[in-house]
C-alpha atoms as a PDB file:
ATOM      1  CA  MET A   1     -76.590 -83.173  74.357  1.00  0.00           C
ATOM      2  CA  ILE A   2     -76.230 -87.072  73.346  1.00  0.00           C
ATOM      3  CA  ILE A   3     -79.690 -87.341  72.319  1.00  0.00           C
ATOM      4  CA  PRO A   4     -80.669 -84.842  69.869  1.00  0.00           C
ATOM      5  CA  GLN A   5     -76.733 -84.975  68.556  1.00  0.00           C
ATOM      6  CA  ASN A   6     -77.632 -88.923  67.827  1.00  0.00           C
ATOM      7  CA  ARG A   7     -81.570 -87.526  66.448  1.00  0.00           C
ATOM      8  CA  ASN A   8     -79.916 -85.448  64.072  1.00  0.00           C
ATOM      9  CA  LYS A   9     -77.143 -87.861  62.577  1.00  0.00           C
ATOM     10  CA  ILE A  10     -79.737 -90.093  62.097  1.00  0.00           C
ATOM     11  CA  MET A  11     -82.090 -87.320  60.454  1.00  0.00           C
ATOM     12  CA  SER A  12     -79.431 -86.229  58.155  1.00  0.00           C
ATOM     13  CA  THR A  13     -78.592 -90.349  57.133  1.00  0.00           C
ATOM     14  CA  ALA A  14     -82.054 -90.776  56.050  1.00  0.00           C
ATOM     15  CA  ILE A  15     -82.215 -87.479  54.071  1.00  0.00           C
ATOM     16  CA  MET A  16     -78.470 -88.105  52.456  1.00  0.00           C
ATOM     17  CA  LEU A  17     -80.063 -92.085  51.843  1.00  0.00           C
ATOM     18  CA  PHE A  18     -83.290 -90.091  49.861  1.00  0.00           C
ATOM     19  CA  MET A  19     -81.374 -88.084  48.080  1.00  0.00           C
ATOM     20  CA  ASN A  20     -79.238 -91.367  46.387  1.00  0.00           C
ATOM     21  CA  ASN A  21     -83.115 -91.573  44.588  1.00  0.00           C
ATOM     22  CA  GLN A  22     -83.411 -88.485  44.095  1.00  0.00           C
ATOM     23  CA  PRO A  23     -82.112 -86.511  40.691  1.00  0.00           C
ATOM     24  CA  SER A  24     -83.113 -83.004  41.159  1.00  0.00           C
ATOM     25  CA  VAL A  25     -84.229 -82.394  44.991  1.00  0.00           C
ATOM     26  CA  LYS A  26     -82.366 -79.733  47.113  1.00  0.00           C
ATOM     27  CA  ILE A  27     -83.451 -79.725  51.090  1.00  0.00           C
ATOM     28  CA  MET A  28     -82.758 -76.995  53.858  1.00  0.00           C
ATOM     29  CA  GLN A  29     -82.928 -78.626  56.988  1.00  0.00           C
ATOM     30  CA  LYS A  30     -83.292 -75.643  59.943  1.00  0.00           C
ATOM     31  CA  PHE A  31     -81.840 -75.697  63.132  1.00  0.00           C
ATOM     32  CA  CYS A  32     -83.439 -74.055  65.821  1.00  0.00           C
ATOM     33  CA  GLU A  33     -82.419 -71.387  67.511  1.00  0.00           C
ATOM     34  CA  PRO A  34     -83.685 -70.281  71.518  1.00  0.00           C
ATOM     35  CA  GLY A  35     -85.381 -66.670  70.609  1.00  0.00           C
ATOM     36  CA  HIS A  36     -85.251 -66.805  67.500  1.00  0.00           C
ATOM     37  CA  SER A  37     -87.983 -66.904  64.578  1.00  0.00           C
ATOM     38  CA  GLU A  38     -86.630 -68.713  61.693  1.00  0.00           C
ATOM     39  CA  ILE A  39     -88.564 -71.796  62.594  1.00  0.00           C
ATOM     40  CA  GLN A  40     -92.357 -69.956  61.537  1.00  0.00           C
ATOM     41  CA  GLU A  41     -92.981 -70.664  58.171  1.00  0.00           C
ATOM     42  CA  ILE A  42     -92.957 -74.750  59.924  1.00  0.00           C
ATOM     43  CA  ASN A  43     -94.789 -73.613  62.270  1.00  0.00           C
ATOM     44  CA  ASN A  44     -97.604 -71.989  60.075  1.00  0.00           C
ATOM     45  CA  VAL A  45     -97.877 -75.512  57.952  1.00  0.00           C
ATOM     46  CA  HIS A  46     -98.404 -77.289  60.658  1.00  0.00           C
ATOM     47  CA  SER A  47    -101.050 -74.848  62.079  1.00  0.00           C
ATOM     48  CA  GLN A  48    -102.850 -75.024  58.322  1.00  0.00           C
ATOM     49  CA  LEU A  49    -102.704 -78.981  58.813  1.00  0.00           C
ATOM     50  CA  GLU A  50    -103.947 -78.835  62.086  1.00  0.00           C
ATOM     51  CA  LYS A  51    -107.033 -76.031  61.437  1.00  0.00           C
ATOM     52  CA  ALA A  52    -107.937 -79.115  58.420  1.00  0.00           C
ATOM     53  CA  LEU A  53    -107.508 -81.858  60.728  1.00  0.00           C
ATOM     54  CA  GLN A  54    -109.921 -79.568  63.544  1.00  0.00           C
ATOM     55  CA  THR A  55    -112.543 -80.296  60.796  1.00  0.00           C
ATOM     56  CA  SER A  56    -112.249 -83.505  59.505  1.00  0.00           C
ATOM     57  CA  GLU A  57    -112.170 -87.125  60.697  1.00  0.00           C
ATOM     58  CA  VAL A  58    -110.215 -89.693  59.118  1.00  0.00           C
ATOM     59  CA  TYR A  59    -110.454 -93.353  58.268  1.00  0.00           C
ATOM     60  CA  SER A  60    -108.011 -94.216  56.728  1.00  0.00           C
ATOM     61  CA  PRO A  61    -104.407 -93.569  55.022  1.00  0.00           C
ATOM     62  CA  LEU A  62    -106.023 -92.295  51.947  1.00  0.00           C
ATOM     63  CA  GLY A  63    -108.549 -89.961  53.725  1.00  0.00           C
ATOM     64  CA  LEU A  64    -105.266 -88.212  55.642  1.00  0.00           C
ATOM     65  CA  VAL A  65    -103.653 -88.221  51.780  1.00  0.00           C
ATOM     66  CA  GLN A  66    -107.031 -86.362  50.509  1.00  0.00           C
ATOM     67  CA  ILE A  67    -106.963 -83.614  53.625  1.00  0.00           C
ATOM     68  CA  LEU A  68    -103.399 -82.742  53.315  1.00  0.00           C
ATOM     69  CA  CYS A  69    -103.812 -82.151  49.405  1.00  0.00           C
ATOM     70  CA  LYS A  70    -106.882 -79.699  49.823  1.00  0.00           C
ATOM     71  CA  THR A  71    -105.122 -78.050  52.248  1.00  0.00           C
ATOM     72  CA  PRO A  72    -104.414 -74.791  51.509  1.00  0.00           C
ATOM     73  CA  HIS A  73    -100.715 -73.002  51.192  1.00  0.00           C
ATOM     74  CA  HIS A  74     -98.848 -70.853  48.913  1.00  0.00           C
ATOM     75  CA  LYS A  75     -96.403 -72.963  49.177  1.00  0.00           C
ATOM     76  CA  PRO A  76     -98.421 -76.839  48.644  1.00  0.00           C
ATOM     77  CA  LEU A  77     -97.601 -80.270  50.316  1.00  0.00           C
ATOM     78  CA  LYS A  78     -95.718 -82.812  47.856  1.00  0.00           C
ATOM     79  CA  LEU A  79     -96.484 -86.101  49.059  1.00  0.00           C
ATOM     80  CA  THR A  80     -94.875 -88.884  48.163  1.00  0.00           C
ATOM     81  CA  GLN A  81     -95.681 -92.908  49.001  1.00  0.00           C
ATOM     82  CA  LEU A  82     -93.420 -94.837  50.625  1.00  0.00           C
ATOM     83  CA  ASN A  83     -92.966 -98.618  49.768  1.00  0.00           C
ATOM     84  CA  LYS A  84     -91.797-101.454  52.407  1.00  0.00           C
ATOM     85  CA  HIS A  85     -88.349-101.084  51.044  1.00  0.00           C
ATOM     86  CA  ASP A  86     -88.222 -97.342  52.217  1.00  0.00           C
ATOM     87  CA  ILE A  87     -88.659 -98.215  55.717  1.00  0.00           C
ATOM     88  CA  LYS A  88     -84.881 -98.599  56.898  1.00  0.00           C
ATOM     89  CA  ASP A  89     -82.517 -98.929  60.045  1.00  0.00           C
ATOM     90  CA  TYR A  90     -81.451 -95.057  59.622  1.00  0.00           C
ATOM     91  CA  GLN A  91     -79.340 -95.460  63.355  1.00  0.00           C
ATOM     92  CA  GLY A  92     -77.444 -98.688  61.976  1.00  0.00           C
ATOM     93  CA  GLU A  93     -77.166 -96.360  58.602  1.00  0.00           C
ATOM     94  CA  ALA A  94     -75.856 -93.716  60.820  1.00  0.00           C
ATOM     95  CA  GLU A  95     -72.732 -95.791  61.918  1.00  0.00           C
ATOM     96  CA  LYS A  96     -71.140 -96.073  59.306  1.00  0.00           C
ATOM     97  CA  PHE A  97     -70.863 -92.071  58.821  1.00  0.00           C
ATOM     98  CA  HIS A  98     -68.441 -90.002  60.612  1.00  0.00           C
ATOM     99  CA  PHE A  99     -71.091 -87.625  62.248  1.00  0.00           C
ATOM    100  CA  GLU A 100     -68.911 -87.358  65.550  1.00  0.00           C
ATOM    101  CA  CYS A 101     -67.035 -84.694  63.875  1.00  0.00           C
ATOM    102  CA  VAL A 102     -70.228 -82.529  62.810  1.00  0.00           C
ATOM    103  CA  SER A 103     -71.404 -80.393  66.206  1.00  0.00           C
ATOM    104  CA  PHE A 104     -75.540 -80.091  65.579  1.00  0.00           C
ATOM    105  CA  SER A 105     -75.710 -77.727  68.705  1.00  0.00           C
ATOM    106  CA  LYS A 106     -73.319 -74.799  66.604  1.00  0.00           C
ATOM    107  CA  VAL A 107     -75.204 -76.264  63.580  1.00  0.00           C
ATOM    108  CA  LYS A 108     -77.456 -73.179  61.945  1.00  0.00           C
ATOM    109  CA  ALA A 109     -78.806 -75.249  58.420  1.00  0.00           C
ATOM    110  CA  ILE A 110     -77.369 -77.718  56.360  1.00  0.00           C
ATOM    111  CA  GLN A 111     -78.411 -77.417  52.923  1.00  0.00           C
ATOM    112  CA  TYR A 112     -78.365 -81.562  51.133  1.00  0.00           C
ATOM    113  CA  THR A 113     -77.813 -81.837  47.284  1.00  0.00           C
ATOM    114  CA  SER A 114     -78.462 -84.369  45.309  1.00  0.00           C
ATOM    115  CA  GLU A 115     -75.167 -85.082  43.131  1.00  0.00           C
ATOM    116  CA  HIS A 116     -77.352 -85.784  39.807  1.00  0.00           C
ATOM    117  CA  ASN A 117     -77.772 -82.132  39.563  1.00  0.00           C
END
């Protein structure tokens, strides 16, 4: 499966580059397995977001942020505003790493930890 492999290496690159400027962040990236429900917590967040958006009208990015801040859940969302310099060509950056030795189809989770911890 070349397409998922490429998506996973691009996402891993984006997370690693994000971590360079985040001194106290840990990220756990979980991969779905057919027939398992480990991803249920993500589905719960998606469900809560969909419920909040069904009863709201969004006219601007600020309006969306306000809705996201009010969405009830046991683990509050932390929103980070991106700037122009945050937008990168992650596909091009991913080619600099040697992800061809990682079999993403066999990986269940990857934990990223900043070196600054």
